[in-house]
N, C-alpha and C. Protein backbone atom coordinates (compact mmCIF):
# COMPACT_ATOMS: atom_id res chain seq x y z
N MET A 1 9.90 11.83 1.11
CA MET A 1 10.35 10.71 0.30
C MET A 1 10.12 10.99 -1.18
N ALA A 2 8.88 11.29 -1.52
CA ALA A 2 8.52 11.53 -2.90
C ALA A 2 7.27 12.37 -2.93
N HIS A 3 7.05 13.08 -4.01
CA HIS A 3 5.83 13.86 -4.10
C HIS A 3 5.47 14.10 -5.55
N VAL A 4 4.19 14.29 -5.81
CA VAL A 4 3.74 14.58 -7.16
C VAL A 4 4.31 15.91 -7.57
N GLY A 5 4.90 15.97 -8.75
CA GLY A 5 5.54 17.18 -9.22
C GLY A 5 7.00 17.24 -8.86
N GLY A 6 7.46 16.34 -8.02
CA GLY A 6 8.86 16.27 -7.64
C GLY A 6 9.42 14.92 -7.97
N GLY A 7 10.65 14.68 -7.58
CA GLY A 7 11.28 13.42 -7.91
C GLY A 7 11.32 12.46 -6.76
N LEU A 8 11.52 11.20 -7.09
CA LEU A 8 11.71 10.17 -6.08
C LEU A 8 13.20 10.09 -5.79
N SER A 9 13.58 10.05 -4.53
CA SER A 9 15.00 10.00 -4.21
C SER A 9 15.61 8.71 -4.72
N ALA A 10 16.91 8.75 -4.97
CA ALA A 10 17.61 7.57 -5.46
C ALA A 10 17.53 6.43 -4.45
N MET A 11 17.59 6.76 -3.15
CA MET A 11 17.52 5.73 -2.13
C MET A 11 16.13 5.09 -2.09
N SER A 12 15.08 5.89 -2.26
CA SER A 12 13.73 5.34 -2.29
C SER A 12 13.55 4.39 -3.46
N ALA A 13 14.03 4.79 -4.63
CA ALA A 13 13.95 3.94 -5.82
C ALA A 13 14.75 2.66 -5.61
N TRP A 14 15.91 2.78 -4.96
CA TRP A 14 16.74 1.60 -4.70
C TRP A 14 16.03 0.63 -3.77
N ARG A 15 15.39 1.16 -2.71
CA ARG A 15 14.67 0.29 -1.79
C ARG A 15 13.52 -0.43 -2.50
N ALA A 16 12.83 0.27 -3.38
CA ALA A 16 11.74 -0.35 -4.13
C ALA A 16 12.29 -1.45 -5.04
N ASP A 17 13.40 -1.17 -5.70
CA ASP A 17 14.01 -2.16 -6.59
C ASP A 17 14.45 -3.40 -5.80
N MET A 18 15.03 -3.18 -4.62
CA MET A 18 15.46 -4.31 -3.80
C MET A 18 14.27 -5.13 -3.32
N LEU A 19 13.18 -4.47 -2.96
CA LEU A 19 11.98 -5.20 -2.54
C LEU A 19 11.45 -6.04 -3.69
N ALA A 20 11.46 -5.49 -4.89
CA ALA A 20 11.00 -6.24 -6.06
C ALA A 20 11.88 -7.46 -6.32
N ARG A 21 13.17 -7.30 -6.14
CA ARG A 21 14.09 -8.42 -6.39
C ARG A 21 13.94 -9.51 -5.34
N THR A 22 13.79 -9.10 -4.08
CA THR A 22 13.73 -10.12 -3.01
C THR A 22 12.39 -10.86 -2.99
N THR A 23 11.31 -10.17 -3.36
CA THR A 23 10.00 -10.81 -3.35
C THR A 23 9.62 -11.39 -4.70
N ARG A 24 10.31 -10.95 -5.75
CA ARG A 24 9.97 -11.31 -7.14
C ARG A 24 8.54 -10.91 -7.47
N GLU A 25 8.14 -9.75 -6.94
CA GLU A 25 6.83 -9.18 -7.24
C GLU A 25 7.00 -7.71 -7.62
N THR A 26 6.01 -7.16 -8.30
CA THR A 26 6.05 -5.75 -8.69
C THR A 26 5.79 -4.87 -7.48
N VAL A 27 6.56 -3.80 -7.37
CA VAL A 27 6.47 -2.86 -6.24
C VAL A 27 5.97 -1.52 -6.74
N TRP A 28 5.04 -0.94 -6.00
CA TRP A 28 4.58 0.43 -6.25
C TRP A 28 4.87 1.28 -5.02
N ILE A 29 5.29 2.51 -5.27
CA ILE A 29 5.31 3.55 -4.24
C ILE A 29 4.24 4.55 -4.66
N GLY A 30 3.32 4.84 -3.75
CA GLY A 30 2.22 5.74 -4.08
C GLY A 30 2.03 6.84 -3.07
N GLN A 31 1.35 7.89 -3.51
CA GLN A 31 1.08 9.04 -2.65
C GLN A 31 -0.39 9.40 -2.74
N LEU A 32 -0.98 9.78 -1.60
CA LEU A 32 -2.36 10.24 -1.56
C LEU A 32 -2.42 11.71 -1.95
N VAL A 33 -3.18 12.01 -3.00
CA VAL A 33 -3.41 13.39 -3.44
C VAL A 33 -4.91 13.57 -3.55
N ALA A 34 -5.48 14.43 -2.72
CA ALA A 34 -6.93 14.56 -2.60
C ALA A 34 -7.48 13.20 -2.18
N ASP A 35 -8.32 12.58 -3.01
CA ASP A 35 -8.87 11.27 -2.64
C ASP A 35 -8.38 10.16 -3.56
N LYS A 36 -7.25 10.39 -4.22
CA LYS A 36 -6.70 9.41 -5.16
C LYS A 36 -5.27 9.03 -4.78
N ILE A 37 -4.90 7.81 -5.17
CA ILE A 37 -3.52 7.36 -5.01
C ILE A 37 -2.81 7.51 -6.34
N HIS A 38 -1.73 8.27 -6.35
CA HIS A 38 -0.89 8.44 -7.54
C HIS A 38 0.32 7.53 -7.38
N VAL A 39 0.53 6.65 -8.35
CA VAL A 39 1.70 5.78 -8.32
C VAL A 39 2.90 6.58 -8.81
N LEU A 40 3.88 6.75 -7.92
CA LEU A 40 5.06 7.56 -8.21
C LEU A 40 6.19 6.74 -8.81
N HIS A 41 6.23 5.46 -8.46
CA HIS A 41 7.35 4.63 -8.91
C HIS A 41 6.90 3.19 -9.00
N GLN A 42 7.37 2.49 -10.02
CA GLN A 42 7.13 1.06 -10.14
C GLN A 42 8.46 0.35 -10.34
N ALA A 43 8.65 -0.72 -9.61
CA ALA A 43 9.85 -1.54 -9.75
C ALA A 43 9.41 -2.96 -10.05
N ALA A 44 10.01 -3.54 -11.07
CA ALA A 44 9.66 -4.91 -11.46
C ALA A 44 10.75 -5.86 -11.00
N PRO A 45 10.40 -7.13 -10.78
CA PRO A 45 11.41 -8.11 -10.37
C PRO A 45 12.52 -8.24 -11.41
N HIS A 46 13.71 -8.57 -10.95
CA HIS A 46 14.85 -8.76 -11.85
C HIS A 46 14.51 -9.85 -12.86
N GLY A 47 14.76 -9.57 -14.13
CA GLY A 47 14.48 -10.55 -15.16
C GLY A 47 13.12 -10.37 -15.82
N TYR A 48 12.29 -9.46 -15.25
CA TYR A 48 11.00 -9.17 -15.85
C TYR A 48 11.10 -7.88 -16.65
N LEU A 49 10.30 -7.78 -17.71
CA LEU A 49 10.24 -6.54 -18.47
C LEU A 49 9.61 -5.48 -17.60
N GLU A 50 10.31 -4.40 -17.36
CA GLU A 50 9.79 -3.36 -16.48
C GLU A 50 9.04 -2.31 -17.27
N GLN A 51 7.84 -2.01 -16.83
CA GLN A 51 7.04 -0.96 -17.43
C GLN A 51 7.36 0.34 -16.70
N GLN A 52 7.96 1.28 -17.40
CA GLN A 52 8.29 2.55 -16.79
C GLN A 52 7.03 3.42 -16.71
N LEU A 53 6.69 3.83 -15.52
CA LEU A 53 5.51 4.68 -15.34
C LEU A 53 5.91 6.15 -15.40
N VAL A 54 5.16 6.91 -16.19
CA VAL A 54 5.31 8.35 -16.14
C VAL A 54 4.60 8.81 -14.89
N ARG A 55 5.22 9.70 -14.13
CA ARG A 55 4.66 10.10 -12.85
C ARG A 55 3.21 10.53 -12.99
N GLY A 56 2.33 9.92 -12.20
CA GLY A 56 0.93 10.30 -12.19
C GLY A 56 0.08 9.62 -13.25
N ASP A 57 0.67 8.73 -14.09
CA ASP A 57 -0.16 8.13 -15.14
C ASP A 57 -0.93 6.91 -14.64
N ARG A 58 -0.69 6.50 -13.40
CA ARG A 58 -1.50 5.46 -12.78
C ARG A 58 -2.13 6.05 -11.53
N VAL A 59 -3.45 6.20 -11.56
CA VAL A 59 -4.17 6.82 -10.45
C VAL A 59 -5.32 5.91 -10.08
N LEU A 60 -5.47 5.65 -8.77
CA LEU A 60 -6.52 4.77 -8.26
C LEU A 60 -7.27 5.45 -7.13
N PRO A 61 -8.56 5.13 -6.96
CA PRO A 61 -9.26 5.61 -5.77
C PRO A 61 -8.59 5.03 -4.52
N TRP A 62 -8.52 5.81 -3.46
CA TRP A 62 -7.82 5.34 -2.26
C TRP A 62 -8.43 4.07 -1.70
N TYR A 63 -9.77 3.94 -1.81
CA TYR A 63 -10.46 2.82 -1.18
C TYR A 63 -10.32 1.51 -1.95
N ALA A 64 -9.73 1.56 -3.15
CA ALA A 64 -9.62 0.37 -3.99
C ALA A 64 -8.19 -0.13 -4.14
N SER A 65 -7.33 0.21 -3.18
CA SER A 65 -5.94 -0.25 -3.26
C SER A 65 -5.36 -0.44 -1.87
N ALA A 66 -4.41 -1.35 -1.77
CA ALA A 66 -3.70 -1.54 -0.50
C ALA A 66 -2.92 -0.29 -0.14
N LEU A 67 -2.34 0.40 -1.12
CA LEU A 67 -1.62 1.63 -0.84
C LEU A 67 -2.54 2.64 -0.17
N GLY A 68 -3.76 2.79 -0.71
CA GLY A 68 -4.71 3.73 -0.14
C GLY A 68 -5.13 3.36 1.26
N HIS A 69 -5.41 2.08 1.49
CA HIS A 69 -5.80 1.63 2.82
C HIS A 69 -4.67 1.90 3.83
N ALA A 70 -3.44 1.61 3.43
CA ALA A 70 -2.30 1.79 4.33
C ALA A 70 -2.14 3.25 4.73
N ILE A 71 -2.27 4.15 3.76
CA ILE A 71 -2.10 5.58 4.05
C ILE A 71 -3.25 6.11 4.89
N VAL A 72 -4.48 5.86 4.44
CA VAL A 72 -5.64 6.45 5.11
C VAL A 72 -5.80 5.91 6.52
N ALA A 73 -5.47 4.64 6.74
CA ALA A 73 -5.56 4.07 8.08
C ALA A 73 -4.63 4.77 9.07
N ALA A 74 -3.56 5.37 8.57
CA ALA A 74 -2.60 6.05 9.44
C ALA A 74 -2.93 7.53 9.64
N LEU A 75 -3.96 8.04 8.96
CA LEU A 75 -4.36 9.44 9.12
C LEU A 75 -5.18 9.63 10.38
N ASP A 76 -5.36 10.89 10.79
CA ASP A 76 -6.20 11.15 11.96
C ASP A 76 -7.67 10.98 11.59
N ALA A 77 -8.52 10.93 12.60
CA ALA A 77 -9.93 10.63 12.40
C ALA A 77 -10.62 11.65 11.49
N ALA A 78 -10.27 12.93 11.63
CA ALA A 78 -10.92 13.96 10.81
C ALA A 78 -10.58 13.78 9.33
N ALA A 79 -9.32 13.47 9.04
CA ALA A 79 -8.92 13.26 7.65
C ALA A 79 -9.59 12.01 7.08
N GLN A 80 -9.70 10.97 7.88
CA GLN A 80 -10.38 9.76 7.43
C GLN A 80 -11.84 10.04 7.11
N GLU A 81 -12.52 10.74 8.00
CA GLU A 81 -13.94 11.02 7.79
C GLU A 81 -14.16 11.88 6.55
N ALA A 82 -13.24 12.81 6.28
CA ALA A 82 -13.37 13.63 5.07
C ALA A 82 -13.29 12.77 3.82
N LEU A 83 -12.41 11.78 3.83
CA LEU A 83 -12.30 10.88 2.68
C LEU A 83 -13.50 9.95 2.58
N LEU A 84 -13.98 9.47 3.72
CA LEU A 84 -15.13 8.57 3.73
C LEU A 84 -16.40 9.28 3.27
N ALA A 85 -16.44 10.60 3.39
CA ALA A 85 -17.62 11.37 2.99
C ALA A 85 -17.74 11.50 1.47
N VAL A 86 -16.64 11.25 0.75
CA VAL A 86 -16.67 11.33 -0.72
C VAL A 86 -17.28 10.03 -1.26
N PRO A 87 -18.32 10.11 -2.09
CA PRO A 87 -18.96 8.89 -2.61
C PRO A 87 -17.96 7.99 -3.33
N ALA A 88 -18.05 6.70 -3.05
CA ALA A 88 -17.16 5.72 -3.67
C ALA A 88 -17.90 4.97 -4.77
N GLU A 89 -17.18 4.67 -5.86
CA GLU A 89 -17.77 3.96 -6.99
C GLU A 89 -17.16 2.57 -7.10
N ARG A 90 -17.95 1.62 -7.52
CA ARG A 90 -17.47 0.25 -7.69
C ARG A 90 -16.61 0.14 -8.94
N LEU A 91 -15.45 -0.50 -8.80
CA LEU A 91 -14.59 -0.83 -9.94
C LEU A 91 -14.76 -2.29 -10.32
N THR A 92 -15.08 -3.12 -9.33
CA THR A 92 -15.39 -4.54 -9.55
C THR A 92 -16.57 -4.88 -8.65
N GLY A 93 -17.07 -6.09 -8.79
CA GLY A 93 -18.16 -6.51 -7.93
C GLY A 93 -17.76 -6.64 -6.47
N LEU A 94 -16.45 -6.64 -6.19
CA LEU A 94 -15.95 -6.79 -4.83
C LEU A 94 -15.41 -5.49 -4.23
N THR A 95 -15.48 -4.39 -4.97
CA THR A 95 -15.02 -3.11 -4.43
C THR A 95 -15.88 -2.72 -3.24
N VAL A 96 -15.24 -2.40 -2.13
CA VAL A 96 -15.96 -1.97 -0.93
C VAL A 96 -16.22 -0.48 -1.05
N THR A 97 -17.49 -0.09 -1.00
CA THR A 97 -17.85 1.32 -1.17
C THR A 97 -18.60 1.90 0.04
N ARG A 98 -19.18 1.06 0.88
CA ARG A 98 -19.94 1.57 2.03
C ARG A 98 -19.00 2.09 3.10
N SER A 99 -19.28 3.28 3.60
CA SER A 99 -18.37 3.94 4.54
C SER A 99 -18.15 3.11 5.81
N GLU A 100 -19.19 2.44 6.30
CA GLU A 100 -19.04 1.66 7.52
C GLU A 100 -18.08 0.49 7.31
N GLU A 101 -18.19 -0.17 6.17
CA GLU A 101 -17.27 -1.28 5.86
C GLU A 101 -15.85 -0.76 5.68
N LEU A 102 -15.71 0.40 5.05
CA LEU A 102 -14.38 0.98 4.87
C LEU A 102 -13.77 1.35 6.22
N ARG A 103 -14.59 1.85 7.14
CA ARG A 103 -14.07 2.15 8.48
C ARG A 103 -13.52 0.89 9.14
N GLN A 104 -14.24 -0.21 9.01
CA GLN A 104 -13.78 -1.47 9.59
C GLN A 104 -12.45 -1.91 8.98
N ILE A 105 -12.33 -1.73 7.67
CA ILE A 105 -11.07 -2.08 6.99
C ILE A 105 -9.94 -1.20 7.52
N LEU A 106 -10.21 0.08 7.71
CA LEU A 106 -9.17 0.99 8.19
C LEU A 106 -8.74 0.65 9.61
N VAL A 107 -9.70 0.27 10.45
CA VAL A 107 -9.37 -0.13 11.83
C VAL A 107 -8.47 -1.36 11.80
N ALA A 108 -8.85 -2.36 11.01
CA ALA A 108 -8.06 -3.59 10.93
C ALA A 108 -6.67 -3.31 10.37
N THR A 109 -6.60 -2.44 9.37
CA THR A 109 -5.31 -2.09 8.76
C THR A 109 -4.42 -1.37 9.76
N ARG A 110 -5.00 -0.44 10.50
CA ARG A 110 -4.21 0.30 11.50
C ARG A 110 -3.70 -0.64 12.59
N GLN A 111 -4.51 -1.58 13.01
CA GLN A 111 -4.09 -2.52 14.06
C GLN A 111 -2.96 -3.41 13.57
N ARG A 112 -3.03 -3.86 12.31
CA ARG A 112 -1.96 -4.70 11.75
C ARG A 112 -0.72 -3.88 11.45
N GLY A 113 -0.93 -2.65 10.99
CA GLY A 113 0.19 -1.82 10.57
C GLY A 113 0.48 -1.90 9.09
N TYR A 114 -0.32 -2.63 8.35
CA TYR A 114 -0.18 -2.75 6.89
C TYR A 114 -1.53 -3.15 6.33
N ALA A 115 -1.69 -3.02 5.01
CA ALA A 115 -2.96 -3.31 4.35
C ALA A 115 -2.82 -4.50 3.42
N VAL A 116 -3.91 -5.23 3.29
CA VAL A 116 -4.00 -6.34 2.35
C VAL A 116 -5.34 -6.23 1.63
N GLU A 117 -5.35 -6.31 0.32
CA GLU A 117 -6.61 -6.29 -0.41
C GLU A 117 -6.54 -7.24 -1.60
N ALA A 118 -7.72 -7.67 -2.04
CA ALA A 118 -7.80 -8.52 -3.23
C ALA A 118 -9.05 -8.18 -4.01
N HIS A 119 -8.90 -8.02 -5.33
CA HIS A 119 -10.01 -7.84 -6.27
C HIS A 119 -10.75 -6.51 -6.14
N LEU A 120 -10.23 -5.55 -5.43
CA LEU A 120 -10.97 -4.30 -5.23
C LEU A 120 -10.94 -3.39 -6.45
N ALA A 121 -9.81 -3.32 -7.14
CA ALA A 121 -9.70 -2.47 -8.33
C ALA A 121 -9.78 -3.29 -9.61
N THR A 122 -9.20 -4.48 -9.58
CA THR A 122 -9.17 -5.36 -10.75
C THR A 122 -9.35 -6.79 -10.28
N LEU A 123 -10.31 -7.48 -10.84
CA LEU A 123 -10.52 -8.88 -10.47
C LEU A 123 -9.27 -9.70 -10.76
N GLY A 124 -8.86 -10.50 -9.78
CA GLY A 124 -7.68 -11.33 -9.93
C GLY A 124 -6.42 -10.72 -9.37
N ASP A 125 -6.43 -9.40 -9.11
CA ASP A 125 -5.24 -8.74 -8.59
C ASP A 125 -5.36 -8.49 -7.08
N ALA A 126 -4.21 -8.39 -6.44
CA ALA A 126 -4.17 -8.15 -4.99
C ALA A 126 -3.03 -7.20 -4.67
N GLY A 127 -3.00 -6.74 -3.42
CA GLY A 127 -1.93 -5.85 -2.98
C GLY A 127 -1.66 -5.99 -1.50
N ILE A 128 -0.42 -5.70 -1.12
CA ILE A 128 0.01 -5.66 0.27
C ILE A 128 0.84 -4.39 0.41
N ALA A 129 0.51 -3.52 1.37
CA ALA A 129 1.21 -2.24 1.48
C ALA A 129 1.33 -1.78 2.91
N ALA A 130 2.33 -0.94 3.17
CA ALA A 130 2.56 -0.35 4.49
C ALA A 130 2.83 1.14 4.32
N PRO A 131 2.42 1.95 5.30
CA PRO A 131 2.61 3.39 5.19
C PRO A 131 4.06 3.80 5.40
N VAL A 132 4.41 4.92 4.79
CA VAL A 132 5.73 5.53 4.97
C VAL A 132 5.51 6.86 5.68
N PHE A 133 6.20 7.04 6.80
CA PHE A 133 6.01 8.23 7.62
C PHE A 133 7.14 9.23 7.41
N ALA A 134 6.75 10.51 7.26
CA ALA A 134 7.74 11.58 7.16
C ALA A 134 8.16 12.02 8.56
N SER A 135 7.27 11.91 9.50
CA SER A 135 7.56 12.18 10.91
C SER A 135 6.56 11.38 11.72
N TYR A 136 6.59 11.50 13.01
CA TYR A 136 5.74 10.66 13.85
C TYR A 136 4.28 10.80 13.45
N ARG A 137 3.68 9.69 12.99
CA ARG A 137 2.26 9.61 12.62
C ARG A 137 1.85 10.63 11.57
N ARG A 138 2.74 11.05 10.69
CA ARG A 138 2.36 11.90 9.56
C ARG A 138 2.77 11.18 8.29
N THR A 139 1.80 10.93 7.42
CA THR A 139 2.10 10.21 6.19
C THR A 139 1.15 10.59 5.07
N ASP A 140 1.63 10.53 3.86
CA ASP A 140 0.76 10.59 2.69
C ASP A 140 1.25 9.61 1.63
N SER A 141 2.19 8.73 2.03
CA SER A 141 2.80 7.80 1.08
C SER A 141 2.80 6.38 1.61
N ALA A 142 2.97 5.43 0.71
CA ALA A 142 3.06 4.02 1.09
C ALA A 142 3.85 3.27 0.03
N ILE A 143 4.35 2.11 0.42
CA ILE A 143 5.03 1.21 -0.50
C ILE A 143 4.31 -0.14 -0.42
N GLY A 144 4.20 -0.80 -1.56
CA GLY A 144 3.50 -2.08 -1.53
C GLY A 144 3.77 -2.94 -2.74
N LEU A 145 3.26 -4.16 -2.67
CA LEU A 145 3.36 -5.12 -3.74
C LEU A 145 2.02 -5.23 -4.45
N VAL A 146 2.05 -5.43 -5.76
CA VAL A 146 0.84 -5.69 -6.53
C VAL A 146 1.10 -6.91 -7.40
N GLY A 147 0.06 -7.74 -7.57
CA GLY A 147 0.23 -8.93 -8.39
C GLY A 147 -0.99 -9.81 -8.33
N PRO A 148 -0.93 -10.98 -8.96
CA PRO A 148 -2.07 -11.89 -8.96
C PRO A 148 -2.43 -12.33 -7.54
N ALA A 149 -3.73 -12.33 -7.24
CA ALA A 149 -4.18 -12.75 -5.91
C ALA A 149 -3.75 -14.17 -5.59
N GLU A 150 -3.74 -15.02 -6.60
CA GLU A 150 -3.37 -16.41 -6.34
C GLU A 150 -1.93 -16.55 -5.89
N ARG A 151 -1.11 -15.55 -6.17
CA ARG A 151 0.29 -15.60 -5.77
C ARG A 151 0.54 -14.84 -4.47
N LEU A 152 -0.18 -13.75 -4.23
CA LEU A 152 0.06 -12.93 -3.05
C LEU A 152 -0.75 -13.36 -1.82
N MET A 153 -1.90 -13.98 -2.04
CA MET A 153 -2.81 -14.24 -0.94
C MET A 153 -2.60 -15.52 -0.14
N PRO A 154 -1.99 -16.58 -0.68
CA PRO A 154 -1.81 -17.78 0.16
C PRO A 154 -1.12 -17.42 1.48
N ALA A 155 -1.59 -18.01 2.58
CA ALA A 155 -1.22 -17.57 3.92
C ALA A 155 0.29 -17.49 4.16
N GLU A 156 1.02 -18.55 3.87
CA GLU A 156 2.46 -18.55 4.16
C GLU A 156 3.19 -17.50 3.35
N ARG A 157 2.85 -17.39 2.06
CA ARG A 157 3.53 -16.40 1.20
C ARG A 157 3.13 -15.00 1.62
N GLN A 158 1.87 -14.80 1.96
CA GLN A 158 1.41 -13.49 2.40
C GLN A 158 2.19 -13.03 3.62
N ARG A 159 2.46 -13.95 4.55
CA ARG A 159 3.22 -13.58 5.75
C ARG A 159 4.62 -13.10 5.40
N SER A 160 5.31 -13.82 4.52
CA SER A 160 6.68 -13.43 4.17
C SER A 160 6.70 -12.13 3.36
N LEU A 161 5.72 -11.95 2.49
CA LEU A 161 5.65 -10.72 1.70
C LEU A 161 5.35 -9.53 2.59
N ALA A 162 4.45 -9.69 3.56
CA ALA A 162 4.12 -8.60 4.47
C ALA A 162 5.34 -8.20 5.30
N ASP A 163 6.11 -9.18 5.76
CA ASP A 163 7.34 -8.88 6.49
C ASP A 163 8.26 -8.00 5.65
N ALA A 164 8.44 -8.38 4.38
CA ALA A 164 9.35 -7.65 3.49
C ALA A 164 8.84 -6.23 3.24
N VAL A 165 7.54 -6.08 3.04
CA VAL A 165 6.96 -4.75 2.80
C VAL A 165 7.12 -3.87 4.03
N CYS A 166 6.87 -4.42 5.22
CA CYS A 166 7.02 -3.65 6.45
C CYS A 166 8.45 -3.15 6.65
N LEU A 167 9.42 -4.01 6.38
CA LEU A 167 10.82 -3.61 6.51
C LEU A 167 11.18 -2.51 5.53
N ALA A 168 10.67 -2.62 4.30
CA ALA A 168 10.94 -1.58 3.30
C ALA A 168 10.31 -0.26 3.72
N ALA A 169 9.09 -0.30 4.25
CA ALA A 169 8.42 0.92 4.70
C ALA A 169 9.16 1.57 5.85
N GLN A 170 9.68 0.75 6.77
CA GLN A 170 10.46 1.30 7.88
C GLN A 170 11.72 1.98 7.38
N GLY A 171 12.38 1.36 6.40
CA GLY A 171 13.59 1.96 5.84
C GLY A 171 13.29 3.29 5.17
N LEU A 172 12.19 3.36 4.40
CA LEU A 172 11.82 4.61 3.73
C LEU A 172 11.42 5.67 4.74
N SER A 173 10.77 5.27 5.83
CA SER A 173 10.38 6.23 6.87
C SER A 173 11.61 6.83 7.54
N GLN A 174 12.60 5.99 7.82
CA GLN A 174 13.83 6.49 8.42
C GLN A 174 14.53 7.45 7.48
N GLU A 175 14.54 7.12 6.19
CA GLU A 175 15.15 8.01 5.20
C GLU A 175 14.42 9.35 5.15
N ALA A 176 13.08 9.31 5.35
CA ALA A 176 12.28 10.53 5.27
C ALA A 176 12.33 11.35 6.56
N GLY A 177 13.03 10.86 7.57
CA GLY A 177 13.20 11.63 8.79
C GLY A 177 12.38 11.17 9.96
N ALA A 178 11.74 10.00 9.81
CA ALA A 178 10.92 9.48 10.91
C ALA A 178 11.71 8.44 11.69
N SER A 179 12.91 8.78 12.09
CA SER A 179 13.77 7.85 12.81
C SER A 179 13.09 7.34 14.08
N GLY A 180 13.12 6.02 14.22
CA GLY A 180 12.56 5.43 15.42
C GLY A 180 11.09 5.12 15.34
N VAL A 181 10.43 5.50 14.24
CA VAL A 181 9.01 5.22 14.11
C VAL A 181 8.80 3.81 13.60
N ALA A 182 8.03 3.02 14.33
CA ALA A 182 7.69 1.67 13.87
C ALA A 182 6.50 1.79 12.95
N THR A 183 6.71 1.61 11.64
CA THR A 183 5.64 1.84 10.68
C THR A 183 4.69 0.67 10.59
N ALA A 184 5.14 -0.53 10.87
CA ALA A 184 4.27 -1.68 10.67
C ALA A 184 4.77 -2.85 11.49
N ARG A 185 3.84 -3.73 11.81
CA ARG A 185 4.20 -4.95 12.52
C ARG A 185 4.10 -6.11 11.55
N PRO A 186 5.15 -6.89 11.39
CA PRO A 186 5.06 -8.05 10.51
C PRO A 186 3.99 -9.01 10.99
N LEU A 187 3.49 -9.79 10.05
CA LEU A 187 2.46 -10.78 10.38
C LEU A 187 2.98 -11.80 11.38
N THR A 188 2.07 -12.29 12.20
CA THR A 188 2.38 -13.39 13.08
C THR A 188 1.59 -14.60 12.60
N PRO A 189 2.01 -15.79 12.92
CA PRO A 189 1.32 -16.97 12.42
C PRO A 189 -0.18 -16.93 12.69
N GLY A 190 -0.96 -17.27 11.64
CA GLY A 190 -2.39 -17.42 11.80
C GLY A 190 -3.23 -16.19 11.55
N VAL A 191 -2.61 -15.07 11.10
CA VAL A 191 -3.41 -13.87 10.88
C VAL A 191 -3.38 -13.41 9.43
N ALA A 192 -3.08 -14.29 8.52
CA ALA A 192 -3.12 -13.92 7.10
C ALA A 192 -4.55 -13.60 6.68
N VAL A 193 -4.69 -12.61 5.81
CA VAL A 193 -6.00 -12.24 5.31
C VAL A 193 -6.36 -13.17 4.16
N THR A 194 -7.58 -13.66 4.15
CA THR A 194 -8.00 -14.60 3.11
C THR A 194 -8.52 -13.88 1.89
N HIS A 195 -8.76 -14.63 0.82
CA HIS A 195 -9.23 -14.05 -0.45
C HIS A 195 -10.48 -13.23 -0.30
N ASP A 196 -11.40 -13.65 0.54
CA ASP A 196 -12.69 -12.97 0.59
C ASP A 196 -12.80 -11.95 1.71
N VAL A 197 -11.67 -11.61 2.30
CA VAL A 197 -11.65 -10.56 3.32
C VAL A 197 -10.69 -9.48 2.85
N GLN A 198 -11.20 -8.28 2.65
CA GLN A 198 -10.34 -7.19 2.20
C GLN A 198 -9.96 -6.35 3.38
N GLY A 199 -8.73 -5.79 3.35
CA GLY A 199 -8.24 -4.94 4.42
C GLY A 199 -7.08 -4.26 3.91
């Protein structure tokens, strides 16, 4: 789909733009490189001033973003443990840094098929993301929404946003050659993640 040092396909950029327009939220496509998430593309909602990102100029620790949780949760156990072995630093008072807590987040994320986080990298901000697969169960990329927690986290809105993100991730996975792979399961009533639970 996309890679650091290479370009994002026109179809991938189009899907991100469409997700931004339908949700009216900012969309990021990111890739895991070593233990960091590199934001490859940003799409802003129609009518909003779009900040053009130079490739690689936005980098986040994997454990402090929904994109990172979505990607790492889909990796095999050995790859997860290698990332969990790298010391994590707090970015906010709510950043999860303990490996056991991160394992629990990854299990929950894998079971849902998408990630939800709030306040981990920046207080007041939240994210919802789903992994993009290049082939069956192989991924290093994800697509997701970023924005104010007060807008992304309310239960009903979170459900509709997660549905939209999952559909976009499935489309990108099919484009990348993972035809038939179910990348994520949309939310069902009653399982929205609350403000004080990160995943």
